[in-house]
Amino acid sequence: MKILILDDEPDIRYLAALGLERFGGMTVREAATADEAIEIARVDVPDVILLDVVMPSADGPAVLERLNEDPATAGLPVIFMTASPAETDIERLLALGAVAVLSKPFDPVTLGDEVRAALGVELPPK
């Protein structure tokens, strides 16, 4: 499974990539900006995008809107990641088309399982 992580925090990208690759057996690409993520998604289409909600240049919902406006990236599954998962925020993010909303901080060891569960993909045997 190919995953694209968009987060402006390098430590978050590192921990997510480490967990998804080492414990989840996934292939990960990382992006620090919306423009970078959209370009990567157009060229190397991921199976899912992990998208930070709050970023300085463009927030997660704005990035999702841009992805959906581009025929090359429209409809890609997006999982939002947020440090403040209030119930109303989660409902709003899901209404925008996200398949799930995960809380930060996350456990790198179980992040791959959480992504698979959000996508409805069978978990590998342990």
C-alpha atoms as a PDB file:
ATOM      1  CA  MET A   1       0.000   0.000   0.000  1.00  0.00           C
ATOM      2  CA  LYS A   2       1.335   3.432  -0.976  1.00  0.00           C
ATOM      3  CA  ILE A   3       0.775   6.277   1.459  1.00  0.00           C
ATOM      4  CA  LEU A   4       1.427   9.989   1.078  1.00  0.00           C
ATOM      5  CA  ILE A   5       1.877  11.942   4.308  1.00  0.00           C
ATOM      6  CA  LEU A   6       1.355  15.710   4.259  1.00  0.00           C
ATOM      7  CA  ASP A   7       2.323  17.408   7.506  1.00  0.00           C
ATOM      8  CA  ASP A   8       4.308  20.579   8.074  1.00  0.00           C
ATOM      9  CA  GLU A   9       6.043  19.045  11.109  1.00  0.00           C
ATOM     10  CA  PRO A  10       9.107  16.963  10.120  1.00  0.00           C
ATOM     11  CA  ASP A  11       8.966  14.932  13.351  1.00  0.00           C
ATOM     12  CA  ILE A  12       5.378  13.890  12.692  1.00  0.00           C
ATOM     13  CA  ARG A  13       6.221  12.866   9.127  1.00  0.00           C
ATOM     14  CA  TYR A  14       9.229  10.910  10.365  1.00  0.00           C
ATOM     15  CA  LEU A  15       7.301   9.025  13.070  1.00  0.00           C
ATOM     16  CA  ALA A  16       4.374   8.276  10.769  1.00  0.00           C
ATOM     17  CA  ALA A  17       6.655   7.075   7.964  1.00  0.00           C
ATOM     18  CA  LEU A  18       8.692   4.973  10.373  1.00  0.00           C
ATOM     19  CA  GLY A  19       5.600   3.306  11.792  1.00  0.00           C
ATOM     20  CA  LEU A  20       3.887   2.769   8.460  1.00  0.00           C
ATOM     21  CA  GLU A  21       6.982   1.329   6.794  1.00  0.00           C
ATOM     22  CA  ARG A  22       8.465  -0.710   9.636  1.00  0.00           C
ATOM     23  CA  PHE A  23       5.313  -1.970  11.340  1.00  0.00           C
ATOM     24  CA  GLY A  24       2.736  -1.574   8.582  1.00  0.00           C
ATOM     25  CA  GLY A  25       4.766  -2.818   5.612  1.00  0.00           C
ATOM     26  CA  MET A  26       3.702   0.199   3.561  1.00  0.00           C
ATOM     27  CA  THR A  27       5.520   2.405   1.079  1.00  0.00           C
ATOM     28  CA  VAL A  28       5.566   6.047   2.174  1.00  0.00           C
ATOM     29  CA  ARG A  29       6.151   9.358   0.427  1.00  0.00           C
ATOM     30  CA  GLU A  30       6.314  12.569   2.450  1.00  0.00           C
ATOM     31  CA  ALA A  31       5.424  16.174   1.697  1.00  0.00           C
ATOM     32  CA  ALA A  32       5.820  19.322   3.789  1.00  0.00           C
ATOM     33  CA  THR A  33       3.590  21.602   1.683  1.00  0.00           C
ATOM     34  CA  ALA A  34       0.302  21.383  -0.162  1.00  0.00           C
ATOM     35  CA  ASP A  35       1.932  22.057  -3.533  1.00  0.00           C
ATOM     36  CA  GLU A  36       4.501  19.329  -2.967  1.00  0.00           C
ATOM     37  CA  ALA A  37       1.830  16.831  -1.890  1.00  0.00           C
ATOM     38  CA  ILE A  38      -0.408  17.554  -4.856  1.00  0.00           C
ATOM     39  CA  GLU A  39       2.485  17.134  -7.279  1.00  0.00           C
ATOM     40  CA  ILE A  40       3.502  13.822  -5.681  1.00  0.00           C
ATOM     41  CA  ALA A  41      -0.115  12.607  -5.720  1.00  0.00           C
ATOM     42  CA  ARG A  42      -0.439  13.435  -9.430  1.00  0.00           C
ATOM     43  CA  VAL A  43       2.776  11.633 -10.405  1.00  0.00           C
ATOM     44  CA  ASP A  44       2.911   8.724  -7.949  1.00  0.00           C
ATOM     45  CA  VAL A  45      -0.751   8.129  -7.124  1.00  0.00           C
ATOM     46  CA  PRO A  46      -1.011   6.920  -3.512  1.00  0.00           C
ATOM     47  CA  ASP A  47      -3.597   4.519  -2.148  1.00  0.00           C
ATOM     48  CA  VAL A  48      -4.353   7.002   0.638  1.00  0.00           C
ATOM     49  CA  ILE A  49      -3.218  10.428   1.830  1.00  0.00           C
ATOM     50  CA  LEU A  50      -2.633  11.178   5.515  1.00  0.00           C
ATOM     51  CA  LEU A  51      -3.363  14.881   5.751  1.00  0.00           C
ATOM     52  CA  ASP A  52      -2.690  17.230   8.645  1.00  0.00           C
ATOM     53  CA  VAL A  53      -5.644  19.483   9.427  1.00  0.00           C
ATOM     54  CA  VAL A  54      -3.745  22.564  10.630  1.00  0.00           C
ATOM     55  CA  MET A  55      -0.811  23.836   8.572  1.00  0.00           C
ATOM     56  CA  PRO A  56       0.508  27.357   8.054  1.00  0.00           C
ATOM     57  CA  SER A  57       0.174  27.734   4.283  1.00  0.00           C
ATOM     58  CA  ALA A  58      -2.993  25.744   3.513  1.00  0.00           C
ATOM     59  CA  ASP A  59      -5.120  23.800   5.952  1.00  0.00           C
ATOM     60  CA  GLY A  60      -6.122  20.201   5.355  1.00  0.00           C
ATOM     61  CA  PRO A  61      -9.652  20.950   4.118  1.00  0.00           C
ATOM     62  CA  ALA A  62      -8.253  23.404   1.534  1.00  0.00           C
ATOM     63  CA  VAL A  63      -5.786  20.766   0.344  1.00  0.00           C
ATOM     64  CA  LEU A  64      -8.581  18.193   0.062  1.00  0.00           C
ATOM     65  CA  GLU A  65     -10.574  20.669  -2.017  1.00  0.00           C
ATOM     66  CA  ARG A  66      -7.611  21.190  -4.356  1.00  0.00           C
ATOM     67  CA  LEU A  67      -7.108  17.438  -4.675  1.00  0.00           C
ATOM     68  CA  ASN A  68     -10.767  16.943  -5.573  1.00  0.00           C
ATOM     69  CA  GLU A  69     -10.663  19.719  -8.202  1.00  0.00           C
ATOM     70  CA  ASP A  70      -7.882  17.936 -10.107  1.00  0.00           C
ATOM     71  CA  PRO A  71      -9.065  14.961 -12.208  1.00  0.00           C
ATOM     72  CA  ALA A  72      -5.737  13.195 -11.562  1.00  0.00           C
ATOM     73  CA  THR A  73      -6.238  13.240  -7.785  1.00  0.00           C
ATOM     74  CA  ALA A  74     -10.003  13.547  -7.335  1.00  0.00           C
ATOM     75  CA  GLY A  75     -11.439  10.786  -5.221  1.00  0.00           C
ATOM     76  CA  LEU A  76      -8.189   9.706  -3.584  1.00  0.00           C
ATOM     77  CA  PRO A  77      -8.954   8.504  -0.064  1.00  0.00           C
ATOM     78  CA  VAL A  78      -7.896  11.029   2.580  1.00  0.00           C
ATOM     79  CA  ILE A  79      -7.443  10.438   6.287  1.00  0.00           C
ATOM     80  CA  PHE A  80      -7.132  13.607   8.318  1.00  0.00           C
ATOM     81  CA  MET A  81      -4.791  13.775  11.306  1.00  0.00           C
ATOM     82  CA  THR A  82      -5.478  16.304  14.032  1.00  0.00           C
ATOM     83  CA  ALA A  83      -4.206  17.194  17.485  1.00  0.00           C
ATOM     84  CA  SER A  84      -7.653  18.446  18.554  1.00  0.00           C
ATOM     85  CA  PRO A  85     -10.255  15.868  17.536  1.00  0.00           C
ATOM     86  CA  ALA A  86     -13.447  17.509  18.834  1.00  0.00           C
ATOM     87  CA  GLU A  87     -16.599  15.635  17.860  1.00  0.00           C
ATOM     88  CA  THR A  88     -17.923  18.534  15.764  1.00  0.00           C
ATOM     89  CA  ASP A  89     -14.596  18.847  13.949  1.00  0.00           C
ATOM     90  CA  ILE A  90     -14.561  15.141  13.167  1.00  0.00           C
ATOM     91  CA  GLU A  91     -18.091  15.330  11.756  1.00  0.00           C
ATOM     92  CA  ARG A  92     -17.129  18.367   9.643  1.00  0.00           C
ATOM     93  CA  LEU A  93     -14.002  16.660   8.267  1.00  0.00           C
ATOM     94  CA  LEU A  94     -15.902  13.484   7.419  1.00  0.00           C
ATOM     95  CA  ALA A  95     -18.585  15.581   5.695  1.00  0.00           C
ATOM     96  CA  LEU A  96     -15.847  17.052   3.487  1.00  0.00           C
ATOM     97  CA  GLY A  97     -15.126  13.557   2.193  1.00  0.00           C
ATOM     98  CA  ALA A  98     -12.434  12.175   4.483  1.00  0.00           C
ATOM     99  CA  VAL A  99     -12.624   8.440   5.108  1.00  0.00           C
ATOM    100  CA  ALA A 100     -11.440   8.874   8.706  1.00  0.00           C
ATOM    101  CA  VAL A 101      -9.951  11.261  11.244  1.00  0.00           C
ATOM    102  CA  LEU A 102      -7.038  10.076  13.384  1.00  0.00           C
ATOM    103  CA  SER A 103      -5.781  11.754  16.535  1.00  0.00           C
ATOM    104  CA  LYS A 104      -2.289  13.079  17.071  1.00  0.00           C
ATOM    105  CA  PRO A 105      -0.252  12.015  18.828  1.00  0.00           C
ATOM    106  CA  PHE A 106      -0.590   8.565  17.315  1.00  0.00           C
ATOM    107  CA  ASP A 107       1.160   5.297  18.082  1.00  0.00           C
ATOM    108  CA  PRO A 108       3.597   4.567  15.220  1.00  0.00           C
ATOM    109  CA  VAL A 109       3.350   0.838  15.971  1.00  0.00           C
ATOM    110  CA  THR A 110      -0.413   0.708  15.342  1.00  0.00           C
ATOM    111  CA  LEU A 111      -0.750   3.495  12.741  1.00  0.00           C
ATOM    112  CA  GLY A 112      -0.679   1.051   9.817  1.00  0.00           C
ATOM    113  CA  ASP A 113      -3.487  -0.987  11.365  1.00  0.00           C
ATOM    114  CA  GLU A 114      -5.516   2.206  11.916  1.00  0.00           C
ATOM    115  CA  VAL A 115      -5.051   3.208   8.278  1.00  0.00           C
ATOM    116  CA  ARG A 116      -6.051  -0.241   7.026  1.00  0.00           C
ATOM    117  CA  ALA A 117      -9.106  -0.271   9.297  1.00  0.00           C
ATOM    118  CA  ALA A 118     -10.153   3.187   8.059  1.00  0.00           C
ATOM    119  CA  LEU A 119      -9.932   1.956   4.477  1.00  0.00           C
ATOM    120  CA  GLY A 120     -11.712  -1.308   5.231  1.00  0.00           C
ATOM    121  CA  VAL A 121      -8.622  -3.314   4.256  1.00  0.00           C
ATOM    122  CA  GLU A 122      -8.156  -6.624   6.028  1.00  0.00           C
ATOM    123  CA  LEU A 123      -5.454  -6.510   8.673  1.00  0.00           C
ATOM    124  CA  PRO A 124      -2.505  -8.836   8.087  1.00  0.00           C
ATOM    125  CA  PRO A 125      -2.141 -11.794  10.456  1.00  0.00           C
ATOM    126  CA  LYS A 126       0.121 -11.182  13.450  1.00  0.00           C
END
